[in-house]
Protein backbone atom coordinates (compact mmCIF):
# COMPACT_ATOMS: atom_id res chain seq x y z
CA MET A 1 0.00 0.00 0.00
CA LYS A 2 2.84 2.38 0.87
CA GLN A 3 4.50 1.73 -2.48
CA LEU A 4 1.19 2.30 -4.28
CA ILE A 5 0.71 5.66 -2.54
CA ILE A 6 4.26 6.71 -3.43
CA ALA A 7 3.69 5.67 -7.04
CA ILE A 8 0.45 7.65 -7.23
CA LEU A 9 2.07 10.73 -5.70
CA THR A 10 4.98 10.42 -8.11
CA VAL A 11 2.64 10.21 -11.10
CA CYS A 12 0.67 13.22 -9.80
CA CYS A 13 3.86 15.25 -9.33
CA VAL A 14 5.12 14.35 -12.81
CA TRP A 15 1.72 15.18 -14.33
CA THR A 16 1.58 18.54 -12.56
CA TYR A 17 5.10 19.40 -13.69
CA ALA A 18 4.32 18.32 -17.23
CA GLU A 19 1.18 20.45 -17.27
CA ASP A 20 3.14 23.43 -15.92
CA ARG A 21 5.72 23.02 -18.67
CA THR A 22 3.40 22.29 -21.57
CA LEU A 23 2.37 25.79 -22.61
CA ARG A 24 5.89 27.20 -22.48
CA ASP A 25 7.21 24.22 -24.44
CA ARG A 26 4.50 24.54 -27.07
CA GLN A 27 5.10 28.26 -27.43
CA GLN A 28 8.79 27.60 -28.02
CA GLU A 29 7.99 24.80 -30.47
CA PHE A 30 5.69 27.15 -32.38
CA ILE A 31 8.28 29.88 -32.85
CA ASP A 32 10.83 27.17 -33.69
CA LEU A 33 8.66 26.32 -36.72
CA LYS A 34 9.61 29.78 -38.06
CA PHE A 35 7.50 29.84 -41.23
CA GLY A 36 4.10 28.58 -42.35
CA MET A 37 1.40 28.84 -44.99
CA PHE A 38 -1.90 30.55 -44.26
CA ILE A 39 -4.51 29.21 -46.69
CA HIS A 40 -7.59 31.37 -47.19
CA PHE A 41 -9.94 29.09 -49.11
CA ASN A 42 -13.68 29.15 -48.47
CA ILE A 43 -16.87 30.42 -50.06
CA PRO A 44 -15.36 33.97 -50.48
CA THR A 45 -13.01 32.40 -53.06
CA PHE A 46 -16.00 32.05 -55.41
CA THR A 47 -17.44 35.57 -54.92
CA ASN A 48 -14.48 37.89 -55.61
CA HIS A 49 -15.03 39.39 -52.12
CA ASP A 50 -13.22 38.74 -48.85
CA TRP A 51 -16.55 39.34 -47.06
CA PRO A 52 -19.26 37.90 -49.34
CA ASP A 53 -23.02 37.86 -48.96
CA PRO A 54 -23.58 35.70 -45.84
CA ASP A 55 -26.44 34.01 -47.69
CA ALA A 56 -24.45 33.21 -50.81
CA ASP A 57 -25.77 30.05 -52.45
CA PRO A 58 -23.62 27.04 -51.43
CA SER A 59 -23.92 25.71 -54.98
CA ILE A 60 -21.29 28.21 -56.15
CA PHE A 61 -18.67 26.29 -54.16
CA ASN A 62 -17.23 23.70 -56.57
CA PRO A 63 -13.40 23.52 -56.80
CA VAL A 64 -13.38 20.79 -59.44
CA LYS A 65 -9.57 20.38 -59.56
CA LEU A 66 -8.90 20.65 -55.82
CA ASP A 67 -5.46 19.27 -54.97
CA CYS A 68 -4.37 19.84 -51.38
CA SER A 69 -1.17 17.93 -52.16
CA GLN A 70 -0.24 20.77 -54.51
CA TRP A 71 -0.65 23.20 -51.61
CA ALA A 72 1.55 21.05 -49.38
CA ARG A 73 4.29 20.69 -52.01
CA ALA A 74 4.22 24.45 -52.56
CA ALA A 75 4.63 25.01 -48.81
CA LYS A 76 7.61 22.66 -48.74
CA SER A 77 9.18 24.45 -51.70
CA ALA A 78 9.28 27.61 -49.55
CA LYS A 79 10.71 25.65 -46.57
CA MET A 80 7.50 26.20 -44.61
CA GLN A 81 6.85 23.89 -41.66
CA TYR A 82 3.05 23.99 -41.34
CA GLY A 83 -0.24 25.07 -42.86
CA CYS A 84 -3.30 26.81 -41.43
CA LEU A 85 -6.61 26.54 -43.31
CA THR A 86 -9.73 28.72 -42.99
CA THR A 87 -12.17 26.05 -41.84
CA LYS A 88 -14.86 28.72 -41.34
CA HIS A 89 -14.60 32.40 -42.20
CA HIS A 90 -16.84 35.32 -41.19
CA SER A 91 -19.77 34.32 -43.40
CA GLY A 92 -20.13 31.00 -41.57
CA PHE A 93 -19.54 28.49 -44.39
CA CYS A 94 -17.92 25.27 -43.11
CA ILE A 95 -15.56 23.32 -45.37
CA TRP A 96 -15.66 20.13 -43.30
CA ASP A 97 -18.27 17.45 -42.69
CA THR A 98 -20.09 19.22 -39.87
CA LYS A 99 -23.30 18.09 -38.24
CA THR A 100 -24.11 21.61 -37.00
CA THR A 101 -25.36 23.29 -40.19
CA ALA A 102 -26.37 22.71 -43.80
CA TYR A 103 -24.29 25.75 -44.77
CA SER A 104 -21.27 23.60 -45.55
CA VAL A 105 -19.26 21.95 -48.28
CA MET A 106 -21.25 18.73 -47.83
CA HIS A 107 -24.33 20.54 -49.22
CA THR A 108 -22.62 21.69 -52.42
CA PRO A 109 -21.94 19.98 -55.76
CA PHE A 110 -18.43 19.21 -54.45
CA ARG A 111 -19.46 17.22 -51.35
CA ARG A 112 -15.92 16.47 -50.11
CA ASP A 113 -14.44 17.16 -46.69
CA ILE A 114 -11.72 19.68 -47.57
CA VAL A 115 -10.42 19.92 -44.02
CA ARG A 116 -9.67 16.19 -44.07
CA GLU A 117 -8.00 16.33 -47.50
CA TYR A 118 -5.87 19.28 -46.39
CA ALA A 119 -4.84 17.64 -43.11
CA ASP A 120 -3.94 14.36 -44.81
CA ALA A 121 -1.99 16.05 -47.59
CA PHE A 122 0.08 18.25 -45.28
CA ARG A 123 0.90 15.38 -42.95
CA ARG A 124 2.05 13.26 -45.90
CA GLU A 125 4.63 15.97 -46.62
CA GLY A 126 5.74 16.06 -42.98
CA LEU A 127 4.06 19.40 -42.29
CA LYS A 128 2.19 20.41 -39.14
CA VAL A 129 -1.56 21.03 -39.33
CA MET A 130 -3.31 24.08 -37.89
CA PHE A 131 -6.80 25.54 -38.30
CA TYR A 132 -8.30 29.03 -38.60
CA TYR A 133 -11.83 29.50 -37.25
CA SER A 134 -14.01 32.63 -37.13
CA ILE A 135 -16.13 33.43 -34.09
CA LEU A 136 -18.01 36.04 -36.12
CA ASP A 137 -20.55 34.16 -38.25
CA THR A 138 -22.93 36.43 -40.13
CA HIS A 139 -24.83 33.59 -41.85
CA HIS A 140 -25.94 32.16 -38.51
CA LYS A 141 -26.55 35.68 -37.10
CA LEU A 142 -23.71 35.23 -34.65
CA ARG A 143 -22.99 38.94 -34.30
CA PRO A 144 -23.42 41.65 -31.64
CA GLY A 145 -26.92 41.84 -30.22
CA PHE A 146 -28.00 38.47 -31.58
CA ILE A 147 -25.81 35.99 -29.71
CA THR A 148 -27.65 33.25 -27.82
CA ARG A 149 -26.63 30.24 -25.77
CA GLU A 150 -27.43 28.14 -28.86
CA HIS A 151 -24.76 30.07 -30.76
CA ILE A 152 -22.21 29.33 -28.05
CA GLU A 153 -23.11 25.64 -28.13
CA MET A 154 -22.76 25.63 -31.94
CA ILE A 155 -19.25 27.05 -31.63
CA LYS A 156 -18.33 24.46 -29.03
CA THR A 157 -19.72 21.64 -31.16
CA GLN A 158 -17.90 22.84 -34.28
CA LEU A 159 -14.60 23.17 -32.40
CA THR A 160 -15.17 19.72 -30.90
CA GLU A 161 -15.58 18.30 -34.41
CA LEU A 162 -12.42 20.02 -35.64
CA LEU A 163 -10.33 18.97 -32.64
CA THR A 164 -11.66 15.41 -32.47
CA ASN A 165 -11.89 14.16 -36.06
CA TYR A 166 -8.69 15.39 -37.73
CA GLY A 167 -5.79 14.21 -35.61
CA GLU A 168 -3.31 16.41 -33.76
CA ILE A 169 -3.85 20.12 -34.40
CA GLY A 170 -0.86 22.28 -33.49
CA ALA A 171 -2.78 25.52 -33.16
CA LEU A 172 -6.22 27.04 -33.56
CA ILE A 173 -6.15 30.62 -34.88
CA ILE A 174 -9.40 32.34 -33.95
CA ASP A 175 -10.61 35.55 -35.59
CA GLY A 176 -13.55 37.91 -35.14
CA TRP A 177 -13.41 38.05 -31.34
CA ASP A 178 -13.05 41.27 -29.34
CA ALA A 179 -12.23 43.24 -32.49
CA PRO A 180 -13.63 46.73 -33.22
CA TRP A 181 -15.14 45.48 -36.47
CA SER A 182 -16.79 42.38 -34.97
CA ARG A 183 -17.73 43.82 -31.52
CA ILE A 184 -18.14 40.32 -30.04
CA SER A 185 -16.74 40.53 -26.53
CA TYR A 186 -15.14 37.87 -24.38
CA GLU A 187 -18.33 37.96 -22.32
CA ASP A 188 -20.70 37.54 -25.31
CA ILE A 189 -18.81 34.38 -26.26
CA PRO A 190 -17.04 33.42 -23.01
CA PHE A 191 -13.35 33.15 -23.80
CA GLU A 192 -12.40 31.11 -20.76
CA GLU A 193 -15.10 28.53 -21.52
CA ILE A 194 -13.90 28.10 -25.11
CA TYR A 195 -10.22 28.13 -24.13
CA LEU A 196 -10.71 25.40 -21.53
CA LEU A 197 -12.71 23.31 -24.01
CA VAL A 198 -9.86 23.50 -26.54
CA LYS A 199 -7.33 22.48 -23.91
CA HIS A 200 -9.58 19.64 -22.76
CA LEU A 201 -9.91 18.29 -26.29
CA GLN A 202 -6.26 18.77 -27.22
CA PRO A 203 -4.03 19.91 -24.34
CA SER A 204 -1.12 20.61 -26.68
CA CYS A 205 -3.13 22.78 -29.08
CA LEU A 206 -2.23 26.46 -28.89
CA LEU A 207 -5.14 28.88 -29.03
CA MET A 208 -4.34 32.11 -30.84
CA ASP A 209 -6.78 34.99 -30.97
CA LEU A 210 -6.03 37.67 -33.54
CA ASN A 211 -6.35 40.53 -31.04
CA ALA A 212 -3.00 42.30 -30.89
CA ALA A 213 -4.35 45.68 -31.94
CA LYS A 214 -6.24 46.25 -28.71
CA TYR A 215 -3.94 44.87 -26.03
CA PRO A 216 -0.46 45.93 -24.84
CA ALA A 217 2.55 44.15 -26.28
CA GLU A 218 3.99 43.25 -22.88
CA THR A 219 1.47 40.56 -21.84
CA LEU A 220 -0.51 37.72 -23.40
CA PHE A 221 -4.16 38.80 -23.24
CA TYR A 222 -6.59 36.08 -24.36
CA THR A 223 -4.11 34.20 -26.50
CA ASP A 224 -1.21 31.76 -26.21
CA ILE A 225 0.66 33.54 -29.02
CA LYS A 226 0.67 37.29 -29.69
CA SER A 227 -0.46 37.93 -33.25
CA TYR A 228 0.18 40.82 -35.63
CA GLU A 229 -1.74 41.36 -38.86
CA GLN A 230 0.49 43.62 -40.90
CA GLY A 231 -2.21 44.66 -43.35
CA ALA A 232 -4.23 46.03 -40.42
CA GLY A 233 -1.28 48.12 -39.24
CA GLN A 234 -0.21 45.70 -36.52
CA ASN A 235 3.57 45.61 -36.53
CA ILE A 236 5.70 43.77 -34.03
CA SER A 237 8.67 45.52 -32.47
CA LYS A 238 11.63 43.48 -33.65
CA GLU A 239 13.78 45.17 -31.01
CA THR A 240 11.65 44.91 -27.87
CA ASN A 241 9.28 41.94 -28.31
CA ARG A 242 9.67 39.30 -25.58
CA LEU A 243 6.51 37.25 -26.20
CA PRO A 244 5.92 34.27 -28.50
CA ALA A 245 4.45 35.91 -31.57
CA LEU A 246 3.00 35.44 -35.04
CA SER A 247 3.04 37.95 -37.89
CA CYS A 248 0.77 37.38 -40.90
CA LEU A 249 0.73 38.83 -44.39
CA PRO A 250 -0.90 37.80 -47.70
CA LEU A 251 1.30 37.02 -50.69
CA ASN A 252 -1.27 38.78 -52.89
CA LYS A 253 -3.18 42.01 -52.29
CA ASN A 254 -6.07 40.24 -50.56
CA TRP A 255 -6.58 37.23 -48.34
CA PHE A 256 -8.99 35.35 -50.63
CA TRP A 257 -8.45 34.71 -54.33
CA LYS A 258 -9.54 37.35 -56.82
CA LYS A 259 -9.98 37.09 -60.59
CA SER A 260 -6.97 39.34 -61.14
CA PHE A 261 -4.57 37.23 -59.04
CA PRO A 262 -3.08 35.13 -61.88
CA VAL A 263 -1.74 38.28 -63.60
CA ASP A 264 -1.29 40.69 -60.68
CA PRO A 265 2.25 40.85 -59.25
CA VAL A 266 2.74 39.12 -55.90
CA LYS A 267 4.93 40.46 -53.10
CA ASP A 268 8.66 40.39 -53.72
CA PRO A 269 10.24 37.18 -52.37
CA VAL A 270 13.47 39.04 -51.62
CA ALA A 271 11.63 41.56 -49.42
CA LEU A 272 9.58 38.85 -47.74
CA VAL A 273 12.74 37.04 -46.67
CA ARG A 274 14.78 40.15 -45.82
CA ASP A 275 12.11 42.24 -44.08
CA ASN A 276 9.90 39.57 -42.54
CA LEU A 277 11.15 36.03 -42.27
CA GLU A 278 14.73 36.62 -41.14
CA PRO A 279 14.19 39.48 -38.65
CA PHE A 280 11.00 38.00 -37.17
CA ASN A 281 12.69 34.70 -36.40
CA LYS A 282 15.25 36.60 -34.33
CA ALA A 283 12.45 38.29 -32.34
CA TYR A 284 10.53 35.21 -31.08
CA CYS A 285 8.12 35.60 -34.00
CA ASN A 286 6.82 33.04 -36.46
CA PHE A 287 5.94 34.33 -39.95
CA ILE A 288 2.82 33.02 -41.71
CA LEU A 289 2.38 33.95 -45.37
CA ASN A 290 -1.08 33.63 -46.89
CA VAL A 291 -1.56 31.88 -50.20
CA ALA A 292 -5.03 31.87 -51.79
CA PRO A 293 -6.02 28.89 -53.96
CA ASN A 294 -8.23 29.71 -56.93
CA THR A 295 -11.76 28.55 -57.80
CA ASP A 296 -10.36 25.29 -59.19
CA GLY A 297 -8.76 24.59 -55.81
CA LEU A 298 -5.21 25.16 -57.06
CA ILE A 299 -2.50 27.71 -56.30
CA ASP A 300 -1.76 30.00 -59.26
CA ASP A 301 1.54 29.71 -61.13
CA ASN A 302 2.83 33.14 -60.07
CA ALA A 303 2.29 32.27 -56.41
CA LEU A 304 3.98 28.88 -56.87
CA ALA A 305 7.00 30.60 -58.42
CA ALA A 306 7.22 33.09 -55.57
CA LEU A 307 7.13 30.34 -52.96
CA ALA A 308 9.86 28.39 -54.72
CA LYS A 309 11.97 31.56 -54.91
CA ILE A 310 11.57 32.11 -51.16
CA GLY A 311 12.82 28.58 -50.60
CA GLN A 312 15.89 29.33 -52.70
CA LEU A 313 16.64 32.64 -50.98
CA TRP A 314 16.06 31.68 -47.35
CA ARG A 315 18.93 29.72 -45.86
CA ASP A 316 17.14 28.74 -42.63
CA ASP A 317 20.37 28.13 -40.78
CA THR A 318 19.91 30.37 -37.73
CA PRO A 319 18.35 28.88 -34.58
CA VAL A 320 15.46 30.71 -32.96
CA PRO A 321 16.30 32.24 -29.55
CA GLN A 322 14.90 30.68 -26.40
CA LEU A 323 11.88 32.47 -24.95
CA PRO A 324 12.46 34.47 -21.78
CA SER A 325 10.32 33.80 -18.72
CA ILE A 326 6.77 35.08 -19.30
CA GLU A 327 3.48 35.11 -17.42
CA SER A 328 0.74 32.64 -18.30
CA PRO A 329 -1.89 34.23 -20.55
CA ILE A 330 -4.92 36.00 -19.15
CA ILE A 331 -8.01 34.05 -20.20
CA SER A 332 -10.68 35.17 -17.71
CA SER A 333 -13.16 38.03 -18.06
CA ASN A 334 -12.17 41.34 -16.49
CA ILE A 335 -14.84 41.73 -13.82
CA ALA A 336 -13.77 45.34 -13.16
CA LYS A 337 -14.67 46.43 -16.69
CA HIS A 338 -17.21 49.29 -16.67
CA GLN A 339 -17.86 48.92 -12.91
CA SER A 340 -18.25 51.96 -10.67
CA VAL A 341 -14.88 53.50 -9.77
CA ASN A 342 -13.55 56.18 -7.46
CA SER A 343 -10.19 57.84 -6.96
CA SER A 344 -8.26 60.61 -5.31
CA TRP A 345 -8.16 63.97 -7.12
CA SER A 346 -7.78 63.36 -10.86
CA ASN A 347 -6.31 65.29 -13.69
CA ASP A 348 -9.37 67.15 -15.02
CA ALA A 349 -9.23 65.58 -18.49
CA MET A 350 -8.30 62.09 -17.28
CA ILE A 351 -10.88 61.18 -14.64
CA MET A 352 -11.32 57.81 -12.92
CA ASP A 353 -13.83 56.47 -15.50
CA PHE A 354 -10.97 56.04 -17.96
CA GLY A 355 -9.25 53.57 -15.63
CA ASN A 356 -11.59 50.65 -16.38
CA ASP A 357 -13.22 51.51 -19.71
CA ASP A 358 -11.67 48.52 -21.54
CA ASN A 359 -9.53 50.91 -23.59
CA PHE A 360 -5.78 50.81 -23.14
CA ARG A 361 -5.41 54.11 -25.00
CA THR A 362 -7.22 56.16 -22.34
CA SER A 363 -6.11 56.59 -18.72
CA TRP A 364 -7.00 57.85 -15.29
CA GLN A 365 -4.28 60.22 -14.11
CA SER A 366 -3.74 61.65 -10.66
CA ASN A 367 -3.50 65.38 -10.14
CA TYR A 368 0.13 66.29 -9.57
CA GLU A 369 -0.59 67.80 -6.12
CA VAL A 370 -1.82 64.51 -4.60
CA GLU A 371 0.93 62.98 -2.46
CA THR A 372 -0.55 59.48 -2.11
CA PRO A 373 -2.89 58.82 -5.05
CA TRP A 374 -5.41 55.99 -4.97
CA PHE A 375 -7.85 54.36 -7.36
CA GLU A 376 -10.57 51.84 -6.57
CA VAL A 377 -13.22 49.66 -8.17
CA ASP A 378 -16.55 49.52 -6.31
CA PHE A 379 -18.61 46.43 -7.08
CA PRO A 380 -22.39 46.52 -6.53
CA ARG A 381 -22.00 43.24 -4.63
CA ASN A 382 -19.08 41.25 -3.28
CA HIS A 383 -17.00 39.27 -5.79
CA PHE A 384 -14.46 36.49 -5.69
CA PHE A 385 -11.18 37.36 -7.40
CA ASN A 386 -7.61 36.07 -7.49
CA ALA A 387 -5.69 38.24 -9.95
CA ILE A 388 -5.16 41.96 -10.55
CA LEU A 389 -3.48 43.68 -13.48
CA ILE A 390 -2.42 47.32 -13.50
CA TYR A 391 -1.40 48.90 -16.79
CA ASP A 392 0.96 51.69 -15.72
CA THR A 393 0.61 54.04 -18.69
CA LYS A 394 3.77 56.07 -18.09
CA GLN A 395 5.68 53.25 -16.36
CA CYS A 396 6.31 55.55 -13.43
CA ILE A 397 4.69 53.72 -10.49
CA THR A 398 7.35 51.96 -8.44
CA LYS A 399 5.76 51.15 -5.06
CA TYR A 400 2.12 50.51 -4.20
CA ARG A 401 -0.36 48.55 -2.09
CA LEU A 402 -3.38 46.53 -3.16
CA LEU A 403 -6.29 46.34 -0.72
CA CYS A 404 -9.71 44.70 -0.55
CA GLU A 405 -12.68 45.85 1.52
CA GLN A 406 -14.37 43.07 3.50
CA ASN A 407 -17.30 43.91 5.81
CA GLY A 408 -16.27 47.55 6.03
CA GLU A 409 -12.61 46.75 6.80
CA TRP A 410 -9.72 47.22 4.39
CA ILE A 411 -7.49 44.14 4.10
CA THR A 412 -4.05 44.42 2.52
CA ILE A 413 -3.62 41.89 -0.29
CA PHE A 414 0.09 42.74 -0.50
CA ASP A 415 2.63 45.52 -0.82
CA SER A 416 4.62 45.61 -4.04
CA VAL A 417 7.74 47.18 -5.47
CA ASP A 418 7.33 46.77 -9.21
CA SER A 419 8.54 49.07 -11.99
CA ARG A 420 7.08 47.09 -14.88
CA LYS A 421 4.60 48.73 -17.22
CA VAL A 422 2.20 45.78 -16.91
CA LYS A 423 1.94 44.74 -13.27
CA LEU A 424 0.21 41.36 -13.04
CA HIS A 425 -0.39 39.77 -9.65
CA ARG A 426 -1.91 36.34 -9.00
CA PHE A 427 -2.80 35.29 -5.44
CA ASP A 428 -5.13 33.11 -3.38
CA ARG A 429 -8.81 33.79 -4.03
CA MET A 430 -10.36 36.67 -2.04
CA PHE A 431 -13.90 37.98 -1.59
CA GLY A 432 -14.84 41.62 -1.30
CA GLY A 433 -16.83 44.58 -2.56
CA LYS A 434 -14.08 47.12 -3.25
CA VAL A 435 -10.54 46.78 -4.55
CA ARG A 436 -8.09 49.64 -4.22
CA ILE A 437 -4.55 50.53 -5.24
CA ILE A 438 -2.66 53.05 -3.10
CA ILE A 439 0.39 54.46 -4.85
CA ASP A 440 3.22 55.17 -2.41
CA GLU A 441 6.00 56.01 -4.85
CA SER A 442 5.89 57.33 -8.40
CA PHE A 443 8.38 59.56 -10.18
CA SER A 444 5.62 61.55 -11.97
CA PRO A 445 1.83 61.86 -11.55
CA PRO A 446 0.71 58.25 -12.03
CA ALA A 447 -1.66 57.20 -14.81
CA ILE A 448 -3.48 53.87 -15.07
CA ALA A 449 -4.95 52.86 -18.43
CA GLU A 450 -6.69 49.76 -17.07
CA PHE A 451 -7.16 48.39 -13.57
CA CYS A 452 -8.26 44.80 -14.26
CA ILE A 453 -9.59 42.23 -11.80
CA TYR A 454 -10.02 38.53 -12.59
CA ASN A 455 -11.44 35.43 -10.98
CA GLU A 456 -9.36 32.83 -12.79
CA ALA A 457 -10.38 29.18 -13.00
CA ARG A 458 -7.38 27.60 -11.31
């Protein structure tokens, strides 16, 4: 019995350590891949629009010469290590054999599971398989103001199909979530619930949300990998980035195929290698280049030539640096968002309401005459919480205290000396109605862009 108990404890300890290591290892493995192929291929391919009519007739989808092996060989010619296919884009059309909707490839003249053909073809060439999936789904009315629990269950069922029926998936790149153009918040579709489902189905699968535009570059907010869409003006700092990252760019002018693509010039392979691939790999950043198959289901000749040229130019002989120590990603809802707040005397134009407005570009700022500034969130009822994040806009706060009010008494959570711009603290779960920061030392009038409070599932 004693030996059995020791064995069980040993297994538990090993499992816990393995779980603690998994995310960091997978993040490193992802940036070690260096270069991959984004494949935008879905019903927009047949409409000449990246965002087509969400009620476009499925019968238009008929790629009669589809050859996913051609895609995989093209990726290998460029020395890419993986592919990522648009399983569902914003108009809600599914290109796999889903049981959730008739708006899918199985209800078209083509009637073949493209996700399966893609996954099989890429694996045959020794390439990793990843999926893109859109939370925004205009065909099924999954948009702001219309989201129901049935929508959430549809998403969970579709992700379960994708992460159950197609083997090991290295990463799931999610789009249309918490973006200014989609306006679907992490409360509308609960991020933590979806994230934990993905990890339950495939613990090694990275979940990437394309959300870099909104959140600071110093911390992983709602993603395992920080992403940057260059066409949307999201550019990684090659000098200061310290997070596992992904930068994406289309080889053509658009993400999905257009009638002009076979004759339009593609991006210069020399510039793609010199300005993207080589410098990104030195900055903990993987580069994913989009290639758009045409209506036949094939990659155009000019794109094939560009990929082969990249493979000739890129030597791929420099190892990727090892990631520095980083915090685990934030995946829980910010329960302080838009709650009632109070503070000591504010700068007139930067009052306390800017300190929890879910906008990292606005800030509460103390008036310069206040010797010991403070800022607090006042909940209408007591809440459990176990993490606090302070985004120190000017990176000038050096010493502070965090307190919680319980039954009319202020309890110190802890004192901190921390000069980081993003100050993230995780601690044992507490319960209270007010949470306050008292700033004891700051070398200029302090400003806080966001004071975030979380009740993490851990």
